[in-house]
Amino acid sequence: TLIMRVQTENHSPAYQHAIVIGGSIAGLTTARVLRDHFAQVTIIERDGPPTADAFRVGAPQARHPHVLFARGQNILEAQFPGIVQEVIAAGAVPFYPGQEFRLFANQRWVAPFPSPIVCIGCSRPLLESTIYRRLAADPNVRMLHQQSVLALCTAAQNTRATGVQLRSR
């Protein structure tokens, strides 16, 4: 069992070190946002590093088709410039949902309609591994794999978290 404590010397404890528990797409994008506000960000993940060609054990929904809608593309592009073209170059498929999807709503099929909105269809491993590679290249983001979080460590009177207790998997 490893206890990882957040050091608070010479910095405000609120802005020195952030710990993100879980390296899913949500955890990775959270770490990216926190990176702008903390000197160090550590992501703790139960699984190994994601790859574009393997489903992560800790993501049971990974085998489902994934669609990156326009708003999600905009958000990811703002945090990771060029990521949309990167996933397309790696095999993701852009499509126009108004024209290329069949939609059943209000007990009837909706006729195809022209729309400028483009969505991206891809596998979760492709999207997750692309985001992961971008973060792994950042020297202020550290990844700890094959680790389970057992507990939070807190300051006296449980007023703030000071670290986490880990167990290697």
C-alpha atoms as a PDB file:
ATOM      1  CA  THR A   1       0.000   0.000   0.000  1.00  0.00           C
ATOM      2  CA  LEU A   2       1.378   3.350  -1.068  1.00  0.00           C
ATOM      3  CA  ILE A   3       0.217   6.598   0.451  1.00  0.00           C
ATOM      4  CA  MET A   4       0.519   9.479  -1.955  1.00  0.00           C
ATOM      5  CA  ARG A   5       0.399  12.785  -0.142  1.00  0.00           C
ATOM      6  CA  VAL A   6      -0.077  16.156  -1.754  1.00  0.00           C
ATOM      7  CA  GLN A   7       2.796  18.409  -0.712  1.00  0.00           C
ATOM      8  CA  THR A   8       1.816  21.945   0.260  1.00  0.00           C
ATOM      9  CA  GLU A   9       5.152  23.632   0.921  1.00  0.00           C
ATOM     10  CA  ASN A  10       5.730  27.004  -0.788  1.00  0.00           C
ATOM     11  CA  HIS A  11       2.433  26.908  -2.667  1.00  0.00           C
ATOM     12  CA  SER A  12      -1.215  27.358  -1.935  1.00  0.00           C
ATOM     13  CA  PRO A  13      -2.504  23.799  -1.379  1.00  0.00           C
ATOM     14  CA  ALA A  14      -5.399  24.530  -3.724  1.00  0.00           C
ATOM     15  CA  TYR A  15      -3.123  25.054  -6.725  1.00  0.00           C
ATOM     16  CA  GLN A  16      -0.129  22.796  -6.286  1.00  0.00           C
ATOM     17  CA  HIS A  17      -1.269  19.263  -7.057  1.00  0.00           C
ATOM     18  CA  ALA A  18      -4.518  17.794  -8.339  1.00  0.00           C
ATOM     19  CA  ILE A  19      -5.258  14.082  -8.316  1.00  0.00           C
ATOM     20  CA  VAL A  20      -7.773  12.618 -10.749  1.00  0.00           C
ATOM     21  CA  ILE A  21      -9.083   9.174  -9.876  1.00  0.00           C
ATOM     22  CA  GLY A  22      -9.830   7.307 -13.088  1.00  0.00           C
ATOM     23  CA  GLY A  23      -8.329   7.580 -16.551  1.00  0.00           C
ATOM     24  CA  SER A  24     -11.518   7.357 -18.593  1.00  0.00           C
ATOM     25  CA  ILE A  25     -12.369   9.977 -21.195  1.00  0.00           C
ATOM     26  CA  ALA A  26     -14.000  11.981 -18.391  1.00  0.00           C
ATOM     27  CA  GLY A  27     -10.924  11.626 -16.170  1.00  0.00           C
ATOM     28  CA  LEU A  28      -8.526  12.506 -18.976  1.00  0.00           C
ATOM     29  CA  THR A  29     -10.445  15.610 -20.023  1.00  0.00           C
ATOM     30  CA  THR A  30     -10.806  16.650 -16.377  1.00  0.00           C
ATOM     31  CA  ALA A  31      -7.036  16.346 -15.985  1.00  0.00           C
ATOM     32  CA  ARG A  32      -6.534  18.495 -19.080  1.00  0.00           C
ATOM     33  CA  VAL A  33      -8.680  21.300 -17.616  1.00  0.00           C
ATOM     34  CA  LEU A  34      -7.002  21.010 -14.205  1.00  0.00           C
ATOM     35  CA  ARG A  35      -3.602  21.231 -15.907  1.00  0.00           C
ATOM     36  CA  ASP A  36      -4.281  24.935 -16.559  1.00  0.00           C
ATOM     37  CA  HIS A  37      -4.779  25.589 -12.840  1.00  0.00           C
ATOM     38  CA  PHE A  38      -2.391  23.251 -10.998  1.00  0.00           C
ATOM     39  CA  ALA A  39       1.371  22.865 -11.107  1.00  0.00           C
ATOM     40  CA  GLN A  40       1.050  19.055 -11.215  1.00  0.00           C
ATOM     41  CA  VAL A  41      -1.815  16.736 -12.137  1.00  0.00           C
ATOM     42  CA  THR A  42      -1.700  13.010 -11.389  1.00  0.00           C
ATOM     43  CA  ILE A  43      -4.152  10.560 -12.942  1.00  0.00           C
ATOM     44  CA  ILE A  44      -4.605   7.287 -11.074  1.00  0.00           C
ATOM     45  CA  GLU A  45      -6.003   4.453 -13.185  1.00  0.00           C
ATOM     46  CA  ARG A  46      -6.747   0.779 -12.447  1.00  0.00           C
ATOM     47  CA  ASP A  47      -5.962  -0.356 -15.999  1.00  0.00           C
ATOM     48  CA  GLY A  48      -2.823  -0.045 -18.087  1.00  0.00           C
ATOM     49  CA  PRO A  49      -2.343   2.688 -20.686  1.00  0.00           C
ATOM     50  CA  PRO A  50      -5.085   2.686 -23.353  1.00  0.00           C
ATOM     51  CA  THR A  51      -4.313   1.661 -26.916  1.00  0.00           C
ATOM     52  CA  ALA A  52      -6.329   2.282 -30.076  1.00  0.00           C
ATOM     53  CA  ASP A  53      -6.742  -1.438 -30.757  1.00  0.00           C
ATOM     54  CA  ALA A  54      -7.746  -2.859 -27.361  1.00  0.00           C
ATOM     55  CA  PHE A  55     -10.770  -2.474 -25.120  1.00  0.00           C
ATOM     56  CA  ARG A  56      -9.978  -1.321 -21.597  1.00  0.00           C
ATOM     57  CA  VAL A  57     -11.127  -3.765 -18.898  1.00  0.00           C
ATOM     58  CA  GLY A  58     -12.389  -0.933 -16.683  1.00  0.00           C
ATOM     59  CA  ALA A  59     -14.632   0.500 -19.416  1.00  0.00           C
ATOM     60  CA  PRO A  60     -17.470  -2.006 -19.960  1.00  0.00           C
ATOM     61  CA  GLN A  61     -19.144   0.369 -22.425  1.00  0.00           C
ATOM     62  CA  ALA A  62     -15.998   0.481 -24.586  1.00  0.00           C
ATOM     63  CA  ARG A  63     -17.381  -2.023 -27.095  1.00  0.00           C
ATOM     64  CA  HIS A  64     -20.371   0.170 -27.941  1.00  0.00           C
ATOM     65  CA  PRO A  65     -20.159   2.450 -30.979  1.00  0.00           C
ATOM     66  CA  HIS A  66     -19.135   5.955 -29.981  1.00  0.00           C
ATOM     67  CA  VAL A  67     -20.177   9.196 -31.625  1.00  0.00           C
ATOM     68  CA  LEU A  68     -18.522  12.518 -31.039  1.00  0.00           C
ATOM     69  CA  PHE A  69     -21.217  15.120 -31.591  1.00  0.00           C
ATOM     70  CA  ALA A  70     -20.412  18.649 -32.775  1.00  0.00           C
ATOM     71  CA  ARG A  71     -20.335  20.195 -29.284  1.00  0.00           C
ATOM     72  CA  GLY A  72     -18.029  17.459 -27.995  1.00  0.00           C
ATOM     73  CA  GLN A  73     -15.743  18.017 -30.971  1.00  0.00           C
ATOM     74  CA  ASN A  74     -15.612  21.748 -30.203  1.00  0.00           C
ATOM     75  CA  ILE A  75     -14.792  21.146 -26.544  1.00  0.00           C
ATOM     76  CA  LEU A  76     -12.073  18.578 -27.300  1.00  0.00           C
ATOM     77  CA  GLU A  77     -10.630  20.745 -30.066  1.00  0.00           C
ATOM     78  CA  ALA A  78     -10.359  23.711 -27.657  1.00  0.00           C
ATOM     79  CA  GLN A  79      -8.417  21.571 -25.158  1.00  0.00           C
ATOM     80  CA  PHE A  80      -6.439  19.497 -27.671  1.00  0.00           C
ATOM     81  CA  PRO A  81      -6.010  21.499 -30.903  1.00  0.00           C
ATOM     82  CA  GLY A  82      -6.013  19.253 -33.979  1.00  0.00           C
ATOM     83  CA  ILE A  83      -7.499  16.223 -32.193  1.00  0.00           C
ATOM     84  CA  VAL A  84     -10.531  15.898 -34.473  1.00  0.00           C
ATOM     85  CA  GLN A  85      -8.375  15.608 -37.586  1.00  0.00           C
ATOM     86  CA  GLU A  86      -6.044  13.266 -35.715  1.00  0.00           C
ATOM     87  CA  VAL A  87      -8.819  10.775 -34.902  1.00  0.00           C
ATOM     88  CA  ILE A  88     -10.173  11.035 -38.456  1.00  0.00           C
ATOM     89  CA  ALA A  89      -6.696  10.333 -39.856  1.00  0.00           C
ATOM     90  CA  ALA A  90      -6.542   7.302 -37.522  1.00  0.00           C
ATOM     91  CA  GLY A  91      -9.803   5.858 -38.843  1.00  0.00           C
ATOM     92  CA  ALA A  92     -12.732   7.748 -37.297  1.00  0.00           C
ATOM     93  CA  VAL A  93     -15.574   8.399 -39.742  1.00  0.00           C
ATOM     94  CA  PRO A  94     -17.190  11.832 -40.162  1.00  0.00           C
ATOM     95  CA  PHE A  95     -20.881  11.764 -41.104  1.00  0.00           C
ATOM     96  CA  TYR A  96     -23.888  14.058 -41.463  1.00  0.00           C
ATOM     97  CA  PRO A  97     -26.544  12.708 -39.076  1.00  0.00           C
ATOM     98  CA  GLY A  98     -29.430  14.606 -40.683  1.00  0.00           C
ATOM     99  CA  GLN A  99     -28.723  13.019 -44.039  1.00  0.00           C
ATOM    100  CA  GLU A 100     -27.059   9.724 -43.144  1.00  0.00           C
ATOM    101  CA  PHE A 101     -28.908   8.553 -40.028  1.00  0.00           C
ATOM    102  CA  ARG A 102     -32.392   7.138 -39.833  1.00  0.00           C
ATOM    103  CA  LEU A 103     -34.248   8.655 -36.887  1.00  0.00           C
ATOM    104  CA  PHE A 104     -37.435   7.284 -35.346  1.00  0.00           C
ATOM    105  CA  ALA A 105     -39.224   9.922 -33.244  1.00  0.00           C
ATOM    106  CA  ASN A 106     -42.828  10.483 -32.180  1.00  0.00           C
ATOM    107  CA  GLN A 107     -43.786   7.047 -33.490  1.00  0.00           C
ATOM    108  CA  ARG A 108     -42.638   7.772 -37.040  1.00  0.00           C
ATOM    109  CA  TRP A 109     -39.519   7.787 -39.165  1.00  0.00           C
ATOM    110  CA  VAL A 110     -38.131  11.266 -39.775  1.00  0.00           C
ATOM    111  CA  ALA A 111     -37.241  12.008 -43.384  1.00  0.00           C
ATOM    112  CA  PRO A 112     -33.555  12.772 -44.041  1.00  0.00           C
ATOM    113  CA  PHE A 113     -32.824  16.489 -43.954  1.00  0.00           C
ATOM    114  CA  PRO A 114     -29.865  18.651 -44.931  1.00  0.00           C
ATOM    115  CA  SER A 115     -27.747  19.807 -42.024  1.00  0.00           C
ATOM    116  CA  PRO A 116     -24.257  21.291 -41.764  1.00  0.00           C
ATOM    117  CA  ILE A 117     -23.634  19.392 -38.513  1.00  0.00           C
ATOM    118  CA  VAL A 118     -20.892  16.786 -38.784  1.00  0.00           C
ATOM    119  CA  CYS A 119     -20.471  14.028 -36.201  1.00  0.00           C
ATOM    120  CA  ILE A 120     -17.546  11.654 -35.816  1.00  0.00           C
ATOM    121  CA  GLY A 121     -18.033   7.912 -35.402  1.00  0.00           C
ATOM    122  CA  CYS A 122     -15.163   6.031 -33.799  1.00  0.00           C
ATOM    123  CA  SER A 123     -14.263   3.388 -31.290  1.00  0.00           C
ATOM    124  CA  ARG A 124     -13.803   4.344 -27.681  1.00  0.00           C
ATOM    125  CA  PRO A 125     -10.257   2.937 -27.638  1.00  0.00           C
ATOM    126  CA  LEU A 126      -9.307   5.203 -30.553  1.00  0.00           C
ATOM    127  CA  LEU A 127     -10.688   8.349 -28.916  1.00  0.00           C
ATOM    128  CA  GLU A 128      -9.418   7.509 -25.426  1.00  0.00           C
ATOM    129  CA  SER A 129      -5.911   6.565 -26.563  1.00  0.00           C
ATOM    130  CA  THR A 130      -5.624   9.739 -28.657  1.00  0.00           C
ATOM    131  CA  ILE A 131      -6.555  11.940 -25.690  1.00  0.00           C
ATOM    132  CA  TYR A 132      -4.253   9.879 -23.452  1.00  0.00           C
ATOM    133  CA  ARG A 133      -1.234  10.324 -25.761  1.00  0.00           C
ATOM    134  CA  ARG A 134      -1.737  14.089 -25.759  1.00  0.00           C
ATOM    135  CA  LEU A 135      -1.777  14.228 -21.948  1.00  0.00           C
ATOM    136  CA  ALA A 136       1.067  11.749 -21.512  1.00  0.00           C
ATOM    137  CA  ALA A 137       3.292  14.118 -23.501  1.00  0.00           C
ATOM    138  CA  ASP A 138       2.690  16.909 -20.962  1.00  0.00           C
ATOM    139  CA  PRO A 139       5.505  16.971 -18.368  1.00  0.00           C
ATOM    140  CA  ASN A 140       3.134  18.351 -15.719  1.00  0.00           C
ATOM    141  CA  VAL A 141       0.717  15.420 -16.019  1.00  0.00           C
ATOM    142  CA  ARG A 142       1.717  12.135 -14.418  1.00  0.00           C
ATOM    143  CA  MET A 143      -0.030   8.816 -15.024  1.00  0.00           C
ATOM    144  CA  LEU A 144      -0.109   6.047 -12.440  1.00  0.00           C
ATOM    145  CA  HIS A 145      -1.401   2.787 -13.932  1.00  0.00           C
ATOM    146  CA  GLN A 146      -2.424  -0.483 -12.326  1.00  0.00           C
ATOM    147  CA  GLN A 147      -3.323   1.299  -9.085  1.00  0.00           C
ATOM    148  CA  SER A 148      -6.475   1.065  -6.972  1.00  0.00           C
ATOM    149  CA  VAL A 149      -7.464   3.951  -4.716  1.00  0.00           C
ATOM    150  CA  LEU A 150      -8.261   2.595  -1.265  1.00  0.00           C
ATOM    151  CA  ALA A 151      -9.014   5.806   0.592  1.00  0.00           C
ATOM    152  CA  LEU A 152      -8.603   9.548   0.699  1.00  0.00           C
ATOM    153  CA  CYS A 153      -6.141  10.976   3.202  1.00  0.00           C
ATOM    154  CA  THR A 154      -7.384  14.123   4.896  1.00  0.00           C
ATOM    155  CA  ALA A 155      -6.120  16.951   7.064  1.00  0.00           C
ATOM    156  CA  ALA A 156      -7.166  17.214  10.719  1.00  0.00           C
ATOM    157  CA  GLN A 157     -10.943  17.421  11.156  1.00  0.00           C
ATOM    158  CA  ASN A 158     -11.331  16.202   7.544  1.00  0.00           C
ATOM    159  CA  THR A 159     -11.236  19.786   6.260  1.00  0.00           C
ATOM    160  CA  ARG A 160      -9.411  18.947   3.015  1.00  0.00           C
ATOM    161  CA  ALA A 161      -7.939  16.042   1.105  1.00  0.00           C
ATOM    162  CA  THR A 162      -4.174  15.750   1.370  1.00  0.00           C
ATOM    163  CA  GLY A 163      -3.600  12.611  -0.696  1.00  0.00           C
ATOM    164  CA  VAL A 164      -4.801   9.139  -1.521  1.00  0.00           C
ATOM    165  CA  GLN A 165      -3.941   5.676  -0.319  1.00  0.00           C
ATOM    166  CA  LEU A 166      -3.123   3.327  -3.222  1.00  0.00           C
ATOM    167  CA  ARG A 167      -2.659  -0.372  -3.767  1.00  0.00           C
ATOM    168  CA  SER A 168      -0.788  -1.717  -6.764  1.00  0.00           C
ATOM    169  CA  ARG A 169      -2.881  -4.061  -8.873  1.00  0.00           C
END
